[in-house]
C-alpha atoms as a PDB file:
ATOM      1  CA  MET A   1     -42.084  40.909 -29.062  1.00  0.00           C
ATOM      2  CA  ARG A   2     -40.664  44.459 -29.135  1.00  0.00           C
ATOM      3  CA  ALA A   3     -40.195  44.430 -25.351  1.00  0.00           C
ATOM      4  CA  ARG A   4     -38.032  41.242 -25.557  1.00  0.00           C
ATOM      5  CA  ALA A   5     -35.861  42.710 -28.280  1.00  0.00           C
ATOM      6  CA  TRP A   6     -35.311  45.884 -26.288  1.00  0.00           C
ATOM      7  CA  LEU A   7     -34.513  43.864 -23.186  1.00  0.00           C
ATOM      8  CA  CYS A   8     -31.852  41.885 -25.046  1.00  0.00           C
ATOM      9  CA  VAL A   9     -30.343  45.041 -26.486  1.00  0.00           C
ATOM     10  CA  ALA A  10     -30.338  46.779 -23.089  1.00  0.00           C
ATOM     11  CA  ALA A  11     -28.742  43.751 -21.373  1.00  0.00           C
ATOM     12  CA  LEU A  12     -25.754  43.621 -23.708  1.00  0.00           C
ATOM     13  CA  PRO A  13     -23.667  46.396 -22.101  1.00  0.00           C
ATOM     14  CA  VAL A  14     -24.339  44.942 -18.634  1.00  0.00           C
ATOM     15  CA  VAL A  15     -23.111  41.544 -19.735  1.00  0.00           C
ATOM     16  CA  ALA A  16     -20.074  43.073 -21.350  1.00  0.00           C
ATOM     17  CA  LEU A  17     -19.325  45.296 -18.318  1.00  0.00           C
ATOM     18  CA  THR A  18     -19.574  42.477 -15.852  1.00  0.00           C
ATOM     19  CA  GLY A  19     -17.309  40.217 -17.980  1.00  0.00           C
ATOM     20  CA  ALA A  20     -14.700  42.995 -18.140  1.00  0.00           C
ATOM     21  CA  CYS A  21     -14.810  43.752 -14.383  1.00  0.00           C
ATOM     22  CA  GLY A  22     -13.889  40.370 -13.075  1.00  0.00           C
ATOM     23  CA  GLY A  23     -15.223  36.870 -12.541  1.00  0.00           C
ATOM     24  CA  GLY A  24     -12.974  35.688 -15.353  1.00  0.00           C
ATOM     25  CA  GLU A  25     -10.023  33.348 -14.791  1.00  0.00           C
ATOM     26  CA  ASP A  26      -6.783  34.914 -13.690  1.00  0.00           C
ATOM     27  CA  SER A  27      -3.721  32.920 -14.647  1.00  0.00           C
ATOM     28  CA  SER A  28      -1.770  34.255 -11.695  1.00  0.00           C
ATOM     29  CA  GLU A  29      -4.130  32.465  -9.217  1.00  0.00           C
ATOM     30  CA  PRO A  30      -3.371  28.855  -8.264  1.00  0.00           C
ATOM     31  CA  ALA A  31      -5.426  26.261  -9.943  1.00  0.00           C
ATOM     32  CA  SER A  32      -7.856  24.174  -7.988  1.00  0.00           C
ATOM     33  CA  ALA A  33      -6.849  20.717  -6.634  1.00  0.00           C
ATOM     34  CA  ALA A  34      -8.929  19.001  -9.371  1.00  0.00           C
ATOM     35  CA  GLU A  35      -7.298  21.080 -12.103  1.00  0.00           C
ATOM     36  CA  SER A  36      -3.802  20.352 -10.733  1.00  0.00           C
ATOM     37  CA  LYS A  37      -4.556  16.641 -10.500  1.00  0.00           C
ATOM     38  CA  ALA A  38      -5.812  16.591 -14.063  1.00  0.00           C
ATOM     39  CA  ALA A  39      -2.544  18.156 -15.244  1.00  0.00           C
ATOM     40  CA  GLU A  40      -0.403  15.459 -13.643  1.00  0.00           C
ATOM     41  CA  HIS A  41       1.760  13.414 -15.951  1.00  0.00           C
ATOM     42  CA  VAL A  42       0.813   9.775 -16.529  1.00  0.00           C
ATOM     43  CA  THR A  43       3.115   7.452 -18.470  1.00  0.00           C
ATOM     44  CA  VAL A  44       1.291   4.831 -20.540  1.00  0.00           C
ATOM     45  CA  LEU A  45       3.100   1.601 -21.159  1.00  0.00           C
ATOM     46  CA  LYS A  46       1.629  -0.765 -23.794  1.00  0.00           C
ATOM     47  CA  ILE A  47       2.539  -4.413 -23.557  1.00  0.00           C
ATOM     48  CA  THR A  48       1.264  -7.161 -25.799  1.00  0.00           C
ATOM     49  CA  ASP A  49       1.479 -10.985 -25.238  1.00  0.00           C
ATOM     50  CA  THR A  50       3.381 -12.616 -28.129  1.00  0.00           C
ATOM     51  CA  SER A  51       3.496 -16.175 -26.703  1.00  0.00           C
ATOM     52  CA  THR A  52       3.369 -19.191 -28.774  1.00  0.00           C
ATOM     53  CA  PRO A  53       2.777 -22.691 -27.337  1.00  0.00           C
ATOM     54  CA  GLY A  54       5.672 -23.400 -24.957  1.00  0.00           C
ATOM     55  CA  ASN A  55       7.278 -20.004 -25.615  1.00  0.00           C
ATOM     56  CA  TRP A  56       6.027 -17.297 -23.217  1.00  0.00           C
ATOM     57  CA  SER A  57       6.973 -13.783 -24.345  1.00  0.00           C
ATOM     58  CA  TRP A  58       6.056 -10.061 -24.560  1.00  0.00           C
ATOM     59  CA  ASP A  59       6.488  -7.695 -27.425  1.00  0.00           C
ATOM     60  CA  LYS A  60       8.961  -5.865 -25.222  1.00  0.00           C
ATOM     61  CA  LYS A  61      11.737  -6.878 -22.812  1.00  0.00           C
ATOM     62  CA  ARG A  62      12.605  -3.328 -21.484  1.00  0.00           C
ATOM     63  CA  LEU A  63      10.384  -0.481 -20.546  1.00  0.00           C
ATOM     64  CA  THR A  64      11.037   3.146 -19.248  1.00  0.00           C
ATOM     65  CA  ALA A  65       8.692   5.510 -17.513  1.00  0.00           C
ATOM     66  CA  LYS A  66       8.682   8.792 -15.671  1.00  0.00           C
ATOM     67  CA  ALA A  67       8.203   8.676 -11.923  1.00  0.00           C
ATOM     68  CA  GLY A  68       4.634   9.108 -10.840  1.00  0.00           C
ATOM     69  CA  LYS A  69       1.518   7.461 -12.240  1.00  0.00           C
ATOM     70  CA  VAL A  70       2.248   4.650 -14.691  1.00  0.00           C
ATOM     71  CA  THR A  71      -0.635   3.065 -16.510  1.00  0.00           C
ATOM     72  CA  LEU A  72      -0.134  -0.488 -17.919  1.00  0.00           C
ATOM     73  CA  VAL A  73      -2.216  -1.309 -20.996  1.00  0.00           C
ATOM     74  CA  PHE A  74      -1.936  -4.967 -21.608  1.00  0.00           C
ATOM     75  CA  HIS A  75      -3.334  -6.679 -24.732  1.00  0.00           C
ATOM     76  CA  ASN A  76      -3.544 -10.512 -24.826  1.00  0.00           C
ATOM     77  CA  PRO A  77      -4.726 -11.799 -28.212  1.00  0.00           C
ATOM     78  CA  SER A  78      -4.110 -15.468 -27.245  1.00  0.00           C
ATOM     79  CA  ASP A  79      -6.614 -17.847 -25.761  1.00  0.00           C
ATOM     80  CA  LEU A  80      -4.241 -18.559 -22.777  1.00  0.00           C
ATOM     81  CA  GLY A  81      -4.588 -16.511 -19.606  1.00  0.00           C
ATOM     82  CA  HIS A  82      -1.834 -13.972 -18.882  1.00  0.00           C
ATOM     83  CA  ASN A  83      -1.421 -10.801 -16.705  1.00  0.00           C
ATOM     84  CA  VAL A  84       1.227  -8.141 -16.159  1.00  0.00           C
ATOM     85  CA  ARG A  85       2.490  -7.497 -12.561  1.00  0.00           C
ATOM     86  CA  ILE A  86       5.123  -5.063 -11.378  1.00  0.00           C
ATOM     87  CA  GLN A  87       7.582  -6.237  -8.689  1.00  0.00           C
ATOM     88  CA  THR A  88      10.613  -4.853  -6.877  1.00  0.00           C
ATOM     89  CA  GLY A  89      13.751  -6.730  -6.162  1.00  0.00           C
ATOM     90  CA  GLU A  90      17.310  -7.277  -7.279  1.00  0.00           C
ATOM     91  CA  LYS A  91      16.365 -10.461  -9.169  1.00  0.00           C
ATOM     92  CA  CYS A  92      13.149 -11.343 -10.863  1.00  0.00           C
ATOM     93  CA  CYS A  93      10.783 -12.610  -9.413  1.00  0.00           C
ATOM     94  CA  PHE A  94       9.028 -13.650  -6.126  1.00  0.00           C
ATOM     95  CA  GLY A  95      12.332 -13.619  -4.343  1.00  0.00           C
ATOM     96  CA  ARG A  96      12.920 -12.757  -0.647  1.00  0.00           C
ATOM     97  CA  ASP A  97      13.513  -9.105  -1.435  1.00  0.00           C
ATOM     98  CA  SER A  98      10.577  -8.955  -4.022  1.00  0.00           C
ATOM     99  CA  LYS A  99       7.448  -7.117  -3.450  1.00  0.00           C
ATOM    100  CA  ASP A 100       4.401  -7.217  -5.836  1.00  0.00           C
ATOM    101  CA  LEU A 101       3.195  -3.623  -6.381  1.00  0.00           C
ATOM    102  CA  GLY A 102       0.128  -4.379  -8.534  1.00  0.00           C
ATOM    103  CA  GLY A 103      -0.832  -4.925 -12.054  1.00  0.00           C
ATOM    104  CA  THR A 104      -3.568  -6.196 -14.246  1.00  0.00           C
ATOM    105  CA  GLN A 105      -5.915  -9.117 -13.706  1.00  0.00           C
ATOM    106  CA  VAL A 106      -5.581 -12.270 -15.808  1.00  0.00           C
ATOM    107  CA  ILE A 107      -7.126 -11.875 -19.240  1.00  0.00           C
ATOM    108  CA  GLY A 108      -7.593 -14.454 -22.049  1.00  0.00           C
ATOM    109  CA  GLY A 109      -8.174 -18.072 -21.491  1.00  0.00           C
ATOM    110  CA  LEU A 110     -11.158 -18.729 -19.106  1.00  0.00           C
ATOM    111  CA  SER A 111     -11.391 -15.021 -17.988  1.00  0.00           C
ATOM    112  CA  ASN A 112     -14.221 -14.343 -20.556  1.00  0.00           C
ATOM    113  CA  ASP A 113     -12.724 -10.866 -21.241  1.00  0.00           C
ATOM    114  CA  ALA A 114     -14.137 -10.198 -24.778  1.00  0.00           C
ATOM    115  CA  ASN A 115     -11.782  -7.331 -25.680  1.00  0.00           C
ATOM    116  CA  LYS A 116      -8.710  -8.981 -24.242  1.00  0.00           C
ATOM    117  CA  THR A 117      -7.237  -5.765 -22.954  1.00  0.00           C
ATOM    118  CA  ALA A 118      -6.620  -4.907 -19.303  1.00  0.00           C
ATOM    119  CA  ARG A 119      -5.415  -1.676 -17.636  1.00  0.00           C
ATOM    120  CA  ALA A 120      -3.847  -0.954 -14.242  1.00  0.00           C
ATOM    121  CA  THR A 121      -2.391   2.294 -12.825  1.00  0.00           C
ATOM    122  CA  LEU A 122       0.434   2.378 -10.268  1.00  0.00           C
ATOM    123  CA  GLU A 123       2.266   5.090  -8.470  1.00  0.00           C
ATOM    124  CA  LEU A 124       5.995   4.382  -9.038  1.00  0.00           C
ATOM    125  CA  LYS A 125       9.146   6.075  -7.608  1.00  0.00           C
ATOM    126  CA  PRO A 126      12.431   6.205  -9.510  1.00  0.00           C
ATOM    127  CA  GLY A 127      14.180   2.861  -9.630  1.00  0.00           C
ATOM    128  CA  ARG A 128      14.403  -0.507 -11.324  1.00  0.00           C
ATOM    129  CA  TYR A 129      11.444  -2.850 -11.379  1.00  0.00           C
ATOM    130  CA  TRP A 130      10.282  -6.052 -13.102  1.00  0.00           C
ATOM    131  CA  PHE A 131       7.229  -6.550 -15.153  1.00  0.00           C
ATOM    132  CA  LEU A 132       6.140 -10.180 -15.455  1.00  0.00           C
ATOM    133  CA  CYS A 133       3.315 -12.649 -16.006  1.00  0.00           C
ATOM    134  CA  ALA A 134       2.591 -14.092 -12.605  1.00  0.00           C
ATOM    135  CA  ILE A 135       0.999 -17.235 -13.986  1.00  0.00           C
ATOM    136  CA  PRO A 136       3.090 -20.171 -12.625  1.00  0.00           C
ATOM    137  CA  GLY A 137       5.703 -21.147 -15.199  1.00  0.00           C
ATOM    138  CA  HIS A 138       5.382 -18.116 -17.413  1.00  0.00           C
ATOM    139  CA  TRP A 139       7.800 -15.689 -15.866  1.00  0.00           C
ATOM    140  CA  GLN A 140      10.244 -18.618 -15.399  1.00  0.00           C
ATOM    141  CA  ALA A 141       9.997 -19.305 -19.152  1.00  0.00           C
ATOM    142  CA  GLY A 142      10.825 -15.814 -20.137  1.00  0.00           C
ATOM    143  CA  GLN A 143       7.701 -13.850 -19.869  1.00  0.00           C
ATOM    144  CA  ARG A 144       9.330 -10.991 -17.905  1.00  0.00           C
ATOM    145  CA  GLY A 145      11.287  -7.786 -18.493  1.00  0.00           C
ATOM    146  CA  SER A 146      12.799  -4.699 -16.822  1.00  0.00           C
ATOM    147  CA  LEU A 147      11.191  -1.396 -16.160  1.00  0.00           C
ATOM    148  CA  VAL A 148      13.274   1.606 -15.339  1.00  0.00           C
ATOM    149  CA  VAL A 149      11.543   4.608 -13.719  1.00  0.00           C
ATOM    150  CA  ASN A 150      13.337   7.989 -13.880  1.00  0.00           C
END
């Protein structure tokens, strides 16, 4: 027992000395790729379906985000299936100059998604986009809005 106590006491200066002589982090050195990636900015956009029968709508009509990674968090409390898609184009939606960039899967309705929340992350450049429900008839009836990325 005494030998262990002596060993612990004797080891303390060695531990203190090696800690002071290097091996610690130096803030002047570049961070690893993983650390840099973790520090990237991600804009989170929350969208909720507020539709009533025959009136398809979101809780927001305009969204803004910083260029880079944008995460859509879509909540659909209704029993009818909806999704959120991001598209390019001068006019909404599915036009000749439109391009679907991605978005959430359909949740609610027959999707069996118990929590009724879906997420999708996209890499967006500065510009003007559309967010919409791609279910036929929904975006035409008003379930769409504009997204400006700076």
